[in-house]
Amino acid sequence: MRWRNGLLTASSALLLTACGGGHEATPPPPPVPRIPAGVAARLAAEADAVAALTPGTCEARDAAARFRDDVIASIGRIPQRWQEPLTSAANTLAARLATCAVAKPVEQPRKKPKHRGHREKHEQ
């Protein structure tokens, strides 16, 4: 397998040498802007916390709203290239988890009415 990689590399180098005579090299593309490590780590931890919660619970709804709010609060530290996709994802997540089902109280089984005697029925 290594000889194939070596052969491909050598062929590519020869091809580039043969085709490249006299042309100026194009500059490399600018580096992709990065979100500061502290902001990225905090938002990633919050997103993971939301993902670990059960959808449909009030806890998940509240965590998704907090995450969206934190993304909006951090927007000045996020490169413009990532602002719209990140904000859009946070808004979508908060919208998907916007409702929560409040747990219904468990109904106690109803007691059976006592058997009324013949007299009690007529007295009412």
C-alpha atoms as a PDB file:
ATOM      1  CA  MET A   1       0.000   0.000   0.000  1.00  0.00           C
ATOM      2  CA  ARG A   2       2.898   2.367   0.772  1.00  0.00           C
ATOM      3  CA  TRP A   3       4.402   1.971  -2.670  1.00  0.00           C
ATOM      4  CA  ARG A   4       1.109   3.191  -4.175  1.00  0.00           C
ATOM      5  CA  ASN A   5       1.158   6.319  -2.009  1.00  0.00           C
ATOM      6  CA  GLY A   6       4.782   6.934  -2.939  1.00  0.00           C
ATOM      7  CA  LEU A   7       4.014   6.436  -6.616  1.00  0.00           C
ATOM      8  CA  LEU A   8       1.064   8.814  -6.464  1.00  0.00           C
ATOM      9  CA  THR A   9       3.125  11.446  -4.667  1.00  0.00           C
ATOM     10  CA  ALA A  10       5.973  11.180  -7.154  1.00  0.00           C
ATOM     11  CA  SER A  11       3.557  11.324 -10.108  1.00  0.00           C
ATOM     12  CA  SER A  12       1.824  14.375  -8.659  1.00  0.00           C
ATOM     13  CA  ALA A  13       5.153  16.126  -8.108  1.00  0.00           C
ATOM     14  CA  LEU A  14       6.250  15.418 -11.684  1.00  0.00           C
ATOM     15  CA  LEU A  15       2.925  16.590 -13.058  1.00  0.00           C
ATOM     16  CA  LEU A  16       3.044  19.809 -11.073  1.00  0.00           C
ATOM     17  CA  THR A  17       6.635  20.440 -12.133  1.00  0.00           C
ATOM     18  CA  ALA A  18       5.819  19.857 -15.794  1.00  0.00           C
ATOM     19  CA  CYS A  19       2.703  22.039 -15.753  1.00  0.00           C
ATOM     20  CA  GLY A  20       3.905  24.768 -13.467  1.00  0.00           C
ATOM     21  CA  GLY A  21       6.764  26.329 -15.407  1.00  0.00           C
ATOM     22  CA  GLY A  22       6.458  30.123 -15.348  1.00  0.00           C
ATOM     23  CA  HIS A  23       3.074  30.446 -13.602  1.00  0.00           C
ATOM     24  CA  GLU A  24       2.857  32.309 -10.342  1.00  0.00           C
ATOM     25  CA  ALA A  25       1.676  30.270  -7.400  1.00  0.00           C
ATOM     26  CA  THR A  26      -1.740  31.254  -6.118  1.00  0.00           C
ATOM     27  CA  PRO A  27      -1.748  32.333  -2.493  1.00  0.00           C
ATOM     28  CA  PRO A  28      -3.300  29.897  -0.043  1.00  0.00           C
ATOM     29  CA  PRO A  29      -6.858  30.660   1.022  1.00  0.00           C
ATOM     30  CA  PRO A  30      -7.222  32.692   4.204  1.00  0.00           C
ATOM     31  CA  PRO A  31      -7.566  30.637   7.363  1.00  0.00           C
ATOM     32  CA  VAL A  32     -11.077  29.829   8.505  1.00  0.00           C
ATOM     33  CA  PRO A  33     -12.072  32.159  11.349  1.00  0.00           C
ATOM     34  CA  ARG A  34     -12.263  30.435  14.710  1.00  0.00           C
ATOM     35  CA  ILE A  35     -14.515  30.920  17.672  1.00  0.00           C
ATOM     36  CA  PRO A  36     -12.428  31.744  20.768  1.00  0.00           C
ATOM     37  CA  ALA A  37     -11.711  28.571  22.734  1.00  0.00           C
ATOM     38  CA  GLY A  38     -13.418  29.721  25.932  1.00  0.00           C
ATOM     39  CA  VAL A  39     -16.624  30.697  24.128  1.00  0.00           C
ATOM     40  CA  ALA A  40     -16.634  27.518  22.048  1.00  0.00           C
ATOM     41  CA  ALA A  41     -16.062  25.294  25.094  1.00  0.00           C
ATOM     42  CA  ARG A  42     -18.824  26.981  27.107  1.00  0.00           C
ATOM     43  CA  LEU A  43     -21.378  26.841  24.282  1.00  0.00           C
ATOM     44  CA  ALA A  44     -20.447  23.243  23.442  1.00  0.00           C
ATOM     45  CA  ALA A  45     -20.918  22.209  27.075  1.00  0.00           C
ATOM     46  CA  GLU A  46     -24.324  23.906  27.169  1.00  0.00           C
ATOM     47  CA  ALA A  47     -25.371  22.258  23.906  1.00  0.00           C
ATOM     48  CA  ASP A  48     -24.298  18.859  25.250  1.00  0.00           C
ATOM     49  CA  ALA A  49     -26.300  19.483  28.430  1.00  0.00           C
ATOM     50  CA  VAL A  50     -29.414  20.290  26.388  1.00  0.00           C
ATOM     51  CA  ALA A  51     -28.893  17.183  24.263  1.00  0.00           C
ATOM     52  CA  ALA A  52     -28.713  15.007  27.384  1.00  0.00           C
ATOM     53  CA  LEU A  53     -32.171  16.129  28.562  1.00  0.00           C
ATOM     54  CA  THR A  54     -35.442  14.462  27.675  1.00  0.00           C
ATOM     55  CA  PRO A  55     -37.317  16.379  24.955  1.00  0.00           C
ATOM     56  CA  GLY A  56     -40.726  17.619  26.031  1.00  0.00           C
ATOM     57  CA  THR A  57     -39.688  18.346  29.593  1.00  0.00           C
ATOM     58  CA  CYS A  58     -39.714  21.830  31.063  1.00  0.00           C
ATOM     59  CA  GLU A  59     -36.078  21.343  32.017  1.00  0.00           C
ATOM     60  CA  ALA A  60     -35.137  20.799  28.346  1.00  0.00           C
ATOM     61  CA  ARG A  61     -37.204  23.824  27.287  1.00  0.00           C
ATOM     62  CA  ASP A  62     -35.499  26.064  29.855  1.00  0.00           C
ATOM     63  CA  ALA A  63     -31.995  24.766  29.028  1.00  0.00           C
ATOM     64  CA  ALA A  64     -32.543  25.351  25.290  1.00  0.00           C
ATOM     65  CA  ALA A  65     -33.737  28.901  25.969  1.00  0.00           C
ATOM     66  CA  ARG A  66     -30.676  29.572  28.159  1.00  0.00           C
ATOM     67  CA  PHE A  67     -28.414  28.198  25.413  1.00  0.00           C
ATOM     68  CA  ARG A  68     -30.051  30.467  22.819  1.00  0.00           C
ATOM     69  CA  ASP A  69     -29.672  33.458  25.148  1.00  0.00           C
ATOM     70  CA  ASP A  70     -25.993  32.630  25.735  1.00  0.00           C
ATOM     71  CA  VAL A  71     -25.358  32.353  21.994  1.00  0.00           C
ATOM     72  CA  ILE A  72     -26.949  35.776  21.494  1.00  0.00           C
ATOM     73  CA  ALA A  73     -24.935  37.246  24.383  1.00  0.00           C
ATOM     74  CA  SER A  74     -21.709  35.811  22.912  1.00  0.00           C
ATOM     75  CA  ILE A  75     -22.365  36.956  19.342  1.00  0.00           C
ATOM     76  CA  GLY A  76     -19.801  39.785  19.547  1.00  0.00           C
ATOM     77  CA  ARG A  77     -17.015  37.278  20.196  1.00  0.00           C
ATOM     78  CA  ILE A  78     -18.048  34.909  17.401  1.00  0.00           C
ATOM     79  CA  PRO A  79     -16.606  35.493  13.900  1.00  0.00           C
ATOM     80  CA  GLN A  80     -19.187  36.771  11.433  1.00  0.00           C
ATOM     81  CA  ARG A  81     -18.904  33.630   9.309  1.00  0.00           C
ATOM     82  CA  TRP A  82     -20.328  31.537  12.195  1.00  0.00           C
ATOM     83  CA  GLN A  83     -22.821  34.018  13.671  1.00  0.00           C
ATOM     84  CA  GLU A  84     -25.804  33.191  11.460  1.00  0.00           C
ATOM     85  CA  PRO A  85     -25.432  29.380  11.461  1.00  0.00           C
ATOM     86  CA  LEU A  86     -24.913  29.257  15.225  1.00  0.00           C
ATOM     87  CA  THR A  87     -27.760  31.656  15.999  1.00  0.00           C
ATOM     88  CA  SER A  88     -30.046  29.817  13.606  1.00  0.00           C
ATOM     89  CA  ALA A  89     -29.240  26.453  15.200  1.00  0.00           C
ATOM     90  CA  ALA A  90     -29.824  27.837  18.711  1.00  0.00           C
ATOM     91  CA  ASN A  91     -33.160  29.368  17.646  1.00  0.00           C
ATOM     92  CA  THR A  92     -34.258  26.133  15.990  1.00  0.00           C
ATOM     93  CA  LEU A  93     -33.338  24.110  19.070  1.00  0.00           C
ATOM     94  CA  ALA A  94     -35.231  26.484  21.378  1.00  0.00           C
ATOM     95  CA  ALA A  95     -38.269  26.385  19.070  1.00  0.00           C
ATOM     96  CA  ARG A  96     -38.260  22.575  18.922  1.00  0.00           C
ATOM     97  CA  LEU A  97     -38.165  22.346  22.714  1.00  0.00           C
ATOM     98  CA  ALA A  98     -40.487  25.321  23.355  1.00  0.00           C
ATOM     99  CA  THR A  99     -43.272  23.295  24.912  1.00  0.00           C
ATOM    100  CA  CYS A 100     -43.192  21.060  27.894  1.00  0.00           C
ATOM    101  CA  ALA A 101     -45.658  18.621  29.273  1.00  0.00           C
ATOM    102  CA  VAL A 102     -46.403  19.203  32.903  1.00  0.00           C
ATOM    103  CA  ALA A 103     -46.655  15.893  34.701  1.00  0.00           C
ATOM    104  CA  LYS A 104     -50.258  15.106  35.491  1.00  0.00           C
ATOM    105  CA  PRO A 105     -51.007  14.184  39.067  1.00  0.00           C
ATOM    106  CA  VAL A 106     -51.640  10.519  39.540  1.00  0.00           C
ATOM    107  CA  GLU A 107     -55.289   9.936  40.230  1.00  0.00           C
ATOM    108  CA  GLN A 108     -56.086   7.869  43.241  1.00  0.00           C
ATOM    109  CA  PRO A 109     -58.453   5.019  42.539  1.00  0.00           C
ATOM    110  CA  ARG A 110     -61.976   5.911  43.529  1.00  0.00           C
ATOM    111  CA  LYS A 111     -63.468   4.095  46.397  1.00  0.00           C
ATOM    112  CA  LYS A 112     -66.463   2.040  45.584  1.00  0.00           C
ATOM    113  CA  PRO A 113     -69.590   3.418  47.136  1.00  0.00           C
ATOM    114  CA  LYS A 114     -70.856   1.479  50.062  1.00  0.00           C
ATOM    115  CA  HIS A 115     -73.864  -0.636  49.399  1.00  0.00           C
ATOM    116  CA  ARG A 116     -76.816   1.299  50.622  1.00  0.00           C
ATOM    117  CA  GLY A 117     -79.607  -0.390  52.259  1.00  0.00           C
ATOM    118  CA  HIS A 118     -83.153  -0.275  51.010  1.00  0.00           C
ATOM    119  CA  ARG A 119     -84.163   2.381  53.515  1.00  0.00           C
ATOM    120  CA  GLU A 120     -81.369   4.824  52.598  1.00  0.00           C
ATOM    121  CA  LYS A 121     -82.414   4.864  48.961  1.00  0.00           C
ATOM    122  CA  HIS A 122     -85.969   5.907  49.770  1.00  0.00           C
ATOM    123  CA  GLU A 123     -85.003   8.531  52.333  1.00  0.00           C
ATOM    124  CA  GLN A 124     -83.228  10.722  49.837  1.00  0.00           C
END
